[in-house]
Amino acid sequence: MLSNFRLTAIANFAPADFASGVVPNEIKVNGRSTQFAWIFDDNVSVKNPFGVFTNTEPIRHTGIIPRLLLLAPAIFLWWILLLYLSLPMSFKNIVIAASIFFACLLTLTYLARLIDAQLAWTLISILLLILTWGLGASRRASLAAIVATIAGAVLPIFGLLVPFTGLTLSLAGLLSAVWLAVRHWHGWYSLHPEDQRL
């Protein structure tokens, strides 16, 4: 318990701010310095320390790449599930697909610093589709891998890079559902025995 207490703190850098919930009674800015004053005429008791100041501004905009990297494992699992339901996948092919996917994401994080992220992912997607073509043992299996890649990887990641995220992700989900329905329920693009040799 304190009474007739006064604390004055001067920060000789800008921008400066107080770091607790106890609001200063006076704040004076003079050039590059800021003066904070806490004045308590009556008895006062505080649980948390106050008077500590910082020039670190709050982070408001982290960008789109951190959000994309947080959701990358979920997108990868969705893509692998679509591939597994679309064509026979051996463990070797799953490892190859995982390497390609995360290599593309790593390339995107660095390339997005130089050019627009949407353009960078468009260029990377072309390379991803070319590499995915090799997962199939025949033309039909390769076509199935391409469709699964567009619905499971290309569109979801592109959806996180554009303002219309919800619409793009919904389109990716719809394409995935339609593709699986066509592939399994109606028997279109059914794989021939030679497609099993992966």
C-alpha atoms as a PDB file:
ATOM      1  CA  MET A   1       0.000   0.000   0.000  1.00  0.00           C
ATOM      2  CA  LEU A   2       1.392   3.364  -1.056  1.00  0.00           C
ATOM      3  CA  SER A   3       0.160   6.938  -0.748  1.00  0.00           C
ATOM      4  CA  ASN A   4       1.348  10.174  -2.322  1.00  0.00           C
ATOM      5  CA  PHE A   5       3.247   8.142  -4.896  1.00  0.00           C
ATOM      6  CA  ARG A   6       4.594   9.552  -8.148  1.00  0.00           C
ATOM      7  CA  LEU A   7       6.579   7.801 -10.881  1.00  0.00           C
ATOM      8  CA  THR A   8       8.050   9.497 -13.944  1.00  0.00           C
ATOM      9  CA  ALA A   9       9.648   7.486 -16.741  1.00  0.00           C
ATOM     10  CA  ILE A  10      11.302   9.045 -19.784  1.00  0.00           C
ATOM     11  CA  ALA A  11      11.918   7.048 -22.960  1.00  0.00           C
ATOM     12  CA  ASN A  12      14.564   8.539 -25.252  1.00  0.00           C
ATOM     13  CA  PHE A  13      13.361   6.606 -28.288  1.00  0.00           C
ATOM     14  CA  ALA A  14      10.228   6.592 -30.431  1.00  0.00           C
ATOM     15  CA  PRO A  15       7.645   5.222 -30.613  1.00  0.00           C
ATOM     16  CA  ALA A  16       7.345   4.470 -26.897  1.00  0.00           C
ATOM     17  CA  ASP A  17       4.385   3.094 -24.984  1.00  0.00           C
ATOM     18  CA  PHE A  18       3.546   1.831 -21.517  1.00  0.00           C
ATOM     19  CA  ALA A  19       3.275  -1.940 -21.146  1.00  0.00           C
ATOM     20  CA  SER A  20       0.643  -2.455 -18.455  1.00  0.00           C
ATOM     21  CA  GLY A  21      -3.028  -1.768 -17.783  1.00  0.00           C
ATOM     22  CA  VAL A  22      -2.261   1.116 -15.407  1.00  0.00           C
ATOM     23  CA  VAL A  23      -2.771   4.156 -17.610  1.00  0.00           C
ATOM     24  CA  PRO A  24      -0.372   7.067 -16.998  1.00  0.00           C
ATOM     25  CA  ASN A  25      -1.858  10.308 -15.725  1.00  0.00           C
ATOM     26  CA  GLU A  26       0.361  12.349 -18.026  1.00  0.00           C
ATOM     27  CA  ILE A  27       2.025  11.604 -21.338  1.00  0.00           C
ATOM     28  CA  LYS A  28       4.307  14.246 -22.850  1.00  0.00           C
ATOM     29  CA  VAL A  29       6.030  13.871 -26.220  1.00  0.00           C
ATOM     30  CA  ASN A  30       9.058  16.057 -26.858  1.00  0.00           C
ATOM     31  CA  GLY A  31      10.806  15.310 -30.133  1.00  0.00           C
ATOM     32  CA  ARG A  32      12.157  11.765 -29.933  1.00  0.00           C
ATOM     33  CA  SER A  33      11.523  11.370 -26.199  1.00  0.00           C
ATOM     34  CA  THR A  34       8.295  10.497 -24.395  1.00  0.00           C
ATOM     35  CA  GLN A  35       7.599  11.153 -20.710  1.00  0.00           C
ATOM     36  CA  PHE A  36       5.096   9.081 -18.727  1.00  0.00           C
ATOM     37  CA  ALA A  37       3.920  10.112 -15.254  1.00  0.00           C
ATOM     38  CA  TRP A  38       1.841   8.117 -12.776  1.00  0.00           C
ATOM     39  CA  ILE A  39       0.427  10.113  -9.853  1.00  0.00           C
ATOM     40  CA  PHE A  40      -1.396   8.537  -6.892  1.00  0.00           C
ATOM     41  CA  ASP A  41      -2.569  10.955  -4.194  1.00  0.00           C
ATOM     42  CA  ASP A  42      -4.499   8.315  -2.254  1.00  0.00           C
ATOM     43  CA  ASN A  43      -3.509   4.842  -1.132  1.00  0.00           C
ATOM     44  CA  VAL A  44      -2.829   2.513  -4.039  1.00  0.00           C
ATOM     45  CA  SER A  45      -2.116  -1.185  -4.420  1.00  0.00           C
ATOM     46  CA  VAL A  46      -1.412  -2.866  -7.756  1.00  0.00           C
ATOM     47  CA  LYS A  47      -0.971  -6.543  -8.569  1.00  0.00           C
ATOM     48  CA  ASN A  48       0.981  -6.110 -11.806  1.00  0.00           C
ATOM     49  CA  PRO A  49       4.109  -4.002 -12.297  1.00  0.00           C
ATOM     50  CA  PHE A  50       3.682  -0.832 -14.280  1.00  0.00           C
ATOM     51  CA  GLY A  51       5.859   1.898 -15.686  1.00  0.00           C
ATOM     52  CA  VAL A  52       7.676  -0.448 -18.068  1.00  0.00           C
ATOM     53  CA  PHE A  53       7.619   0.893 -21.601  1.00  0.00           C
ATOM     54  CA  THR A  54       8.512  -0.466 -24.989  1.00  0.00           C
ATOM     55  CA  ASN A  55       8.897   0.729 -28.550  1.00  0.00           C
ATOM     56  CA  THR A  56       7.713  -2.560 -30.059  1.00  0.00           C
ATOM     57  CA  GLU A  57       4.581  -1.985 -32.082  1.00  0.00           C
ATOM     58  CA  PRO A  58       1.852  -4.679 -32.031  1.00  0.00           C
ATOM     59  CA  ILE A  59       1.824  -7.054 -34.989  1.00  0.00           C
ATOM     60  CA  ARG A  60      -1.409  -6.576 -36.890  1.00  0.00           C
ATOM     61  CA  HIS A  61      -0.707  -7.912 -40.374  1.00  0.00           C
ATOM     62  CA  THR A  62       1.334 -11.111 -40.587  1.00  0.00           C
ATOM     63  CA  GLY A  63       0.732 -11.661 -44.298  1.00  0.00           C
ATOM     64  CA  ILE A  64      -0.627 -14.664 -46.134  1.00  0.00           C
ATOM     65  CA  ILE A  65       2.419 -16.949 -46.125  1.00  0.00           C
ATOM     66  CA  PRO A  66       2.351 -17.698 -42.341  1.00  0.00           C
ATOM     67  CA  ARG A  67      -1.330 -18.634 -42.558  1.00  0.00           C
ATOM     68  CA  LEU A  68      -0.575 -20.852 -45.534  1.00  0.00           C
ATOM     69  CA  LEU A  69       2.281 -22.600 -43.726  1.00  0.00           C
ATOM     70  CA  LEU A  70       0.050 -23.270 -40.713  1.00  0.00           C
ATOM     71  CA  LEU A  71      -2.536 -24.981 -42.924  1.00  0.00           C
ATOM     72  CA  ALA A  72       0.014 -26.744 -45.140  1.00  0.00           C
ATOM     73  CA  PRO A  73      -0.113 -30.114 -43.275  1.00  0.00           C
ATOM     74  CA  ALA A  74      -3.914 -30.254 -43.589  1.00  0.00           C
ATOM     75  CA  ILE A  75      -3.764 -29.417 -47.302  1.00  0.00           C
ATOM     76  CA  PHE A  76      -1.069 -32.054 -47.801  1.00  0.00           C
ATOM     77  CA  LEU A  77      -3.125 -34.748 -46.056  1.00  0.00           C
ATOM     78  CA  TRP A  78      -6.182 -33.836 -48.143  1.00  0.00           C
ATOM     79  CA  TRP A  79      -4.124 -34.059 -51.341  1.00  0.00           C
ATOM     80  CA  ILE A  80      -2.618 -37.418 -50.384  1.00  0.00           C
ATOM     81  CA  LEU A  81      -6.097 -38.744 -49.523  1.00  0.00           C
ATOM     82  CA  LEU A  82      -7.407 -37.664 -52.938  1.00  0.00           C
ATOM     83  CA  LEU A  83      -4.433 -39.286 -54.653  1.00  0.00           C
ATOM     84  CA  TYR A  84      -4.923 -42.488 -52.656  1.00  0.00           C
ATOM     85  CA  LEU A  85      -8.618 -42.634 -53.605  1.00  0.00           C
ATOM     86  CA  SER A  86      -7.894 -41.770 -57.237  1.00  0.00           C
ATOM     87  CA  LEU A  87      -5.106 -44.185 -58.125  1.00  0.00           C
ATOM     88  CA  PRO A  88      -3.006 -46.908 -56.459  1.00  0.00           C
ATOM     89  CA  MET A  89      -0.309 -45.252 -54.336  1.00  0.00           C
ATOM     90  CA  SER A  90       2.716 -47.107 -53.031  1.00  0.00           C
ATOM     91  CA  PHE A  91       4.675 -45.864 -50.019  1.00  0.00           C
ATOM     92  CA  LYS A  92       7.462 -44.810 -52.375  1.00  0.00           C
ATOM     93  CA  ASN A  93       5.078 -42.635 -54.385  1.00  0.00           C
ATOM     94  CA  ILE A  94       3.684 -41.072 -51.189  1.00  0.00           C
ATOM     95  CA  VAL A  95       7.207 -40.100 -50.118  1.00  0.00           C
ATOM     96  CA  ILE A  96       7.900 -38.655 -53.575  1.00  0.00           C
ATOM     97  CA  ALA A  97       4.614 -36.697 -53.502  1.00  0.00           C
ATOM     98  CA  ALA A  98       5.390 -35.350 -50.020  1.00  0.00           C
ATOM     99  CA  SER A  99       8.844 -34.201 -51.135  1.00  0.00           C
ATOM    100  CA  ILE A 100       7.419 -32.463 -54.193  1.00  0.00           C
ATOM    101  CA  PHE A 101       4.640 -30.764 -52.199  1.00  0.00           C
ATOM    102  CA  PHE A 102       6.822 -29.299 -49.466  1.00  0.00           C
ATOM    103  CA  ALA A 103       9.560 -28.360 -51.949  1.00  0.00           C
ATOM    104  CA  CYS A 104       6.931 -26.355 -53.858  1.00  0.00           C
ATOM    105  CA  LEU A 105       5.816 -24.625 -50.649  1.00  0.00           C
ATOM    106  CA  LEU A 106       9.405 -23.793 -49.736  1.00  0.00           C
ATOM    107  CA  THR A 107       9.933 -22.358 -53.200  1.00  0.00           C
ATOM    108  CA  LEU A 108       6.761 -20.289 -52.803  1.00  0.00           C
ATOM    109  CA  THR A 109       7.898 -18.747 -49.504  1.00  0.00           C
ATOM    110  CA  TYR A 110      11.117 -17.464 -51.089  1.00  0.00           C
ATOM    111  CA  LEU A 111       9.752 -16.634 -54.527  1.00  0.00           C
ATOM    112  CA  ALA A 112       6.894 -14.610 -52.983  1.00  0.00           C
ATOM    113  CA  ARG A 113       9.503 -12.138 -51.722  1.00  0.00           C
ATOM    114  CA  LEU A 114      10.527 -11.336 -55.275  1.00  0.00           C
ATOM    115  CA  ILE A 115       7.239 -11.478 -57.198  1.00  0.00           C
ATOM    116  CA  ASP A 116       3.522 -11.549 -56.441  1.00  0.00           C
ATOM    117  CA  ALA A 117       2.562 -14.676 -54.464  1.00  0.00           C
ATOM    118  CA  GLN A 118      -0.338 -15.526 -56.803  1.00  0.00           C
ATOM    119  CA  LEU A 119       1.913 -15.367 -59.870  1.00  0.00           C
ATOM    120  CA  ALA A 120       4.590 -17.371 -58.063  1.00  0.00           C
ATOM    121  CA  TRP A 121       2.118 -20.129 -57.162  1.00  0.00           C
ATOM    122  CA  THR A 122       0.791 -20.197 -60.739  1.00  0.00           C
ATOM    123  CA  LEU A 123       4.294 -20.882 -62.044  1.00  0.00           C
ATOM    124  CA  ILE A 124       4.988 -23.426 -59.293  1.00  0.00           C
ATOM    125  CA  SER A 125       1.642 -25.154 -59.962  1.00  0.00           C
ATOM    126  CA  ILE A 126       2.629 -25.816 -63.569  1.00  0.00           C
ATOM    127  CA  LEU A 127       5.797 -27.530 -62.353  1.00  0.00           C
ATOM    128  CA  LEU A 128       3.810 -29.426 -59.693  1.00  0.00           C
ATOM    129  CA  LEU A 129       1.356 -30.745 -62.289  1.00  0.00           C
ATOM    130  CA  ILE A 130       4.194 -31.832 -64.578  1.00  0.00           C
ATOM    131  CA  LEU A 131       5.864 -33.744 -61.736  1.00  0.00           C
ATOM    132  CA  THR A 132       2.533 -35.227 -60.611  1.00  0.00           C
ATOM    133  CA  TRP A 133       1.977 -36.655 -64.082  1.00  0.00           C
ATOM    134  CA  GLY A 134       4.788 -39.101 -63.344  1.00  0.00           C
ATOM    135  CA  LEU A 135       2.896 -40.664 -60.423  1.00  0.00           C
ATOM    136  CA  GLY A 136       0.681 -42.588 -62.811  1.00  0.00           C
ATOM    137  CA  ALA A 137       1.766 -45.785 -64.549  1.00  0.00           C
ATOM    138  CA  SER A 138      -0.485 -45.046 -67.542  1.00  0.00           C
ATOM    139  CA  ARG A 139      -2.186 -42.092 -69.162  1.00  0.00           C
ATOM    140  CA  ARG A 140      -5.449 -42.712 -67.268  1.00  0.00           C
ATOM    141  CA  ALA A 141      -3.654 -42.948 -63.918  1.00  0.00           C
ATOM    142  CA  SER A 142      -1.644 -39.811 -64.684  1.00  0.00           C
ATOM    143  CA  LEU A 143      -4.846 -37.951 -65.584  1.00  0.00           C
ATOM    144  CA  ALA A 144      -6.354 -39.066 -62.268  1.00  0.00           C
ATOM    145  CA  ALA A 145      -3.263 -37.751 -60.445  1.00  0.00           C
ATOM    146  CA  ILE A 146      -3.556 -34.399 -62.261  1.00  0.00           C
ATOM    147  CA  VAL A 147      -7.226 -33.928 -61.336  1.00  0.00           C
ATOM    148  CA  ALA A 148      -6.548 -34.922 -57.714  1.00  0.00           C
ATOM    149  CA  THR A 149      -3.646 -32.478 -57.574  1.00  0.00           C
ATOM    150  CA  ILE A 150      -5.699 -29.590 -58.941  1.00  0.00           C
ATOM    151  CA  ALA A 151      -8.526 -30.242 -56.479  1.00  0.00           C
ATOM    152  CA  GLY A 152      -6.385 -31.186 -53.490  1.00  0.00           C
ATOM    153  CA  ALA A 153      -3.314 -28.952 -53.713  1.00  0.00           C
ATOM    154  CA  VAL A 154      -3.359 -26.296 -56.441  1.00  0.00           C
ATOM    155  CA  LEU A 155      -6.786 -24.768 -55.725  1.00  0.00           C
ATOM    156  CA  PRO A 156      -6.608 -24.905 -51.888  1.00  0.00           C
ATOM    157  CA  ILE A 157      -3.231 -23.160 -51.768  1.00  0.00           C
ATOM    158  CA  PHE A 158      -4.318 -20.658 -54.420  1.00  0.00           C
ATOM    159  CA  GLY A 159      -7.446 -20.044 -52.339  1.00  0.00           C
ATOM    160  CA  LEU A 160      -5.297 -18.968 -49.376  1.00  0.00           C
ATOM    161  CA  LEU A 161      -3.439 -16.476 -51.586  1.00  0.00           C
ATOM    162  CA  VAL A 162      -6.475 -14.631 -52.977  1.00  0.00           C
ATOM    163  CA  PRO A 163      -9.101 -12.466 -51.221  1.00  0.00           C
ATOM    164  CA  PHE A 164     -11.901 -14.912 -52.135  1.00  0.00           C
ATOM    165  CA  THR A 165     -10.538 -17.681 -49.895  1.00  0.00           C
ATOM    166  CA  GLY A 166     -13.889 -19.182 -48.916  1.00  0.00           C
ATOM    167  CA  LEU A 167     -15.172 -19.290 -52.483  1.00  0.00           C
ATOM    168  CA  THR A 168     -11.980 -20.862 -53.830  1.00  0.00           C
ATOM    169  CA  LEU A 169     -11.820 -23.478 -51.069  1.00  0.00           C
ATOM    170  CA  SER A 170     -15.497 -24.300 -51.653  1.00  0.00           C
ATOM    171  CA  LEU A 171     -14.755 -24.722 -55.354  1.00  0.00           C
ATOM    172  CA  ALA A 172     -11.855 -27.044 -54.506  1.00  0.00           C
ATOM    173  CA  GLY A 173     -14.083 -29.091 -52.203  1.00  0.00           C
ATOM    174  CA  LEU A 174     -16.821 -29.301 -54.845  1.00  0.00           C
ATOM    175  CA  LEU A 175     -14.325 -30.382 -57.500  1.00  0.00           C
ATOM    176  CA  SER A 176     -12.945 -33.033 -55.134  1.00  0.00           C
ATOM    177  CA  ALA A 177     -16.408 -34.417 -54.380  1.00  0.00           C
ATOM    178  CA  VAL A 178     -17.430 -34.449 -58.048  1.00  0.00           C
ATOM    179  CA  TRP A 179     -14.179 -36.130 -59.058  1.00  0.00           C
ATOM    180  CA  LEU A 180     -14.505 -38.877 -56.443  1.00  0.00           C
ATOM    181  CA  ALA A 181     -18.133 -39.432 -57.410  1.00  0.00           C
ATOM    182  CA  VAL A 182     -17.231 -39.717 -61.083  1.00  0.00           C
ATOM    183  CA  ARG A 183     -14.181 -41.855 -60.363  1.00  0.00           C
ATOM    184  CA  HIS A 184     -15.768 -44.370 -57.977  1.00  0.00           C
ATOM    185  CA  TRP A 185     -19.532 -44.279 -58.218  1.00  0.00           C
ATOM    186  CA  HIS A 186     -19.985 -44.043 -61.975  1.00  0.00           C
ATOM    187  CA  GLY A 187     -16.797 -45.865 -62.940  1.00  0.00           C
ATOM    188  CA  TRP A 188     -15.536 -43.166 -65.327  1.00  0.00           C
ATOM    189  CA  TYR A 189     -11.800 -43.199 -65.869  1.00  0.00           C
ATOM    190  CA  SER A 190     -11.658 -46.630 -64.264  1.00  0.00           C
ATOM    191  CA  LEU A 191      -8.102 -47.857 -64.000  1.00  0.00           C
ATOM    192  CA  HIS A 192      -7.033 -50.805 -66.087  1.00  0.00           C
ATOM    193  CA  PRO A 193      -4.958 -53.661 -64.643  1.00  0.00           C
ATOM    194  CA  GLU A 194      -1.769 -52.129 -66.008  1.00  0.00           C
ATOM    195  CA  ASP A 195      -2.392 -49.047 -63.864  1.00  0.00           C
ATOM    196  CA  GLN A 196      -1.815 -51.128 -60.745  1.00  0.00           C
ATOM    197  CA  ARG A 197       1.892 -51.539 -61.428  1.00  0.00           C
ATOM    198  CA  LEU A 198       3.299 -48.570 -59.483  1.00  0.00           C
END
